[in-house]
Amino acid sequence: HTVNANDYTSEQLNAWAPPLETWDMEKWEASFQNKIVFIVEENQKLAGFGELENNGHIDRFYIHKDYVGLGIGTLIYDQIG
């Protein structure tokens, strides 16, 4: 909702990153099943993650706004590729 706010509509941003109070945590956790998930943490805070499906498709790829431009995305992508 911060980094790409000028590139997408509010509806798109809410579909991809809904407000926390609307999250269905069971659905969210289930969405990671059968995927390889790469996570980067910094001081016990999620800096970013990317997930790879069995067919090679990169599904979700997220970098926290405080870590954009620090190479976190490259680190995750290098592990996926």
Protein backbone atom coordinates (compact mmCIF):
# COMPACT_ATOMS: atom_id res chain seq x y z
CA HIS A 1 0.00 0.00 0.00
CA THR A 2 3.04 2.23 0.12
CA VAL A 3 5.65 1.25 -2.47
CA ASN A 4 3.25 0.66 -5.36
CA ALA A 5 0.43 2.95 -4.30
CA ASN A 6 0.77 5.04 -7.47
CA ASP A 7 0.79 1.97 -9.74
CA TYR A 8 -2.38 0.17 -8.63
CA THR A 9 -5.91 1.03 -7.57
CA SER A 10 -7.02 0.74 -3.95
CA GLU A 11 -9.13 -2.26 -4.95
CA GLN A 12 -6.10 -4.05 -6.39
CA LEU A 13 -3.94 -3.26 -3.37
CA ASN A 14 -6.65 -4.47 -0.99
CA ALA A 15 -7.07 -7.68 -2.98
CA TRP A 16 -3.34 -8.44 -2.75
CA ALA A 17 -2.73 -7.05 0.74
CA PRO A 18 -6.02 -6.75 2.61
CA PRO A 19 -6.25 -4.82 5.87
CA LEU A 20 -5.20 -7.02 8.79
CA GLU A 21 -8.62 -6.88 10.42
CA THR A 22 -10.13 -8.60 7.35
CA TRP A 23 -7.56 -11.41 7.04
CA ASP A 24 -8.69 -14.99 7.14
CA MET A 25 -5.58 -16.49 8.75
CA GLU A 26 -6.61 -20.09 8.05
CA LYS A 27 -7.04 -19.30 4.35
CA TRP A 28 -3.74 -17.37 4.35
CA GLU A 29 -1.83 -20.25 5.95
CA ALA A 30 -3.44 -22.80 3.62
CA SER A 31 -2.39 -20.74 0.59
CA PHE A 32 1.25 -21.64 1.33
CA GLN A 33 0.63 -25.38 1.03
CA ASN A 34 2.48 -27.15 -1.79
CA LYS A 35 4.73 -24.16 -2.41
CA ILE A 36 8.35 -23.47 -1.60
CA VAL A 37 8.50 -20.28 0.44
CA PHE A 38 11.67 -18.22 0.85
CA ILE A 39 11.66 -15.82 3.80
CA VAL A 40 14.08 -13.08 4.83
CA GLU A 41 13.90 -11.79 8.40
CA GLU A 42 15.78 -8.92 9.97
CA ASN A 43 15.65 -8.53 13.75
CA GLN A 44 12.65 -10.88 13.92
CA LYS A 45 10.74 -8.75 11.41
CA LEU A 46 9.63 -10.02 8.01
CA ALA A 47 11.75 -8.21 5.43
CA GLY A 48 10.37 -10.14 2.48
CA PHE A 49 9.21 -13.42 1.03
CA GLY A 50 8.70 -15.12 -2.28
CA GLU A 51 6.97 -18.34 -3.13
CA LEU A 52 7.58 -20.82 -5.88
CA GLU A 53 4.93 -23.20 -7.15
CA ASN A 54 5.80 -26.73 -8.26
CA ASN A 55 5.42 -25.72 -11.91
CA GLY A 56 8.09 -22.98 -11.54
CA HIS A 57 5.64 -20.08 -11.31
CA ILE A 58 6.54 -17.37 -8.80
CA ASP A 59 3.25 -16.62 -7.10
CA ARG A 60 3.64 -13.95 -4.41
CA PHE A 61 6.76 -11.83 -4.01
CA TYR A 62 6.76 -9.27 -1.21
CA ILE A 63 9.36 -6.88 0.17
CA HIS A 64 8.49 -4.78 3.23
CA LYS A 65 8.57 -1.07 2.45
CA ASP A 66 11.39 -0.50 4.96
CA TYR A 67 13.62 -2.97 3.08
CA VAL A 68 13.05 -1.91 -0.53
CA GLY A 69 16.31 -1.14 -2.30
CA LEU A 70 18.49 -3.16 0.08
CA GLY A 71 18.87 -6.27 -2.06
CA ILE A 72 16.25 -8.38 -0.27
CA GLY A 73 14.31 -9.00 -3.50
CA THR A 74 17.47 -10.03 -5.32
CA LEU A 75 18.41 -12.38 -2.49
CA ILE A 76 15.00 -14.08 -2.61
CA TYR A 77 14.92 -14.22 -6.42
CA ASP A 78 18.40 -15.74 -6.55
CA GLN A 79 17.23 -18.54 -4.24
CA ILE A 80 14.08 -19.15 -6.27
CA GLY A 81 15.93 -19.22 -9.59
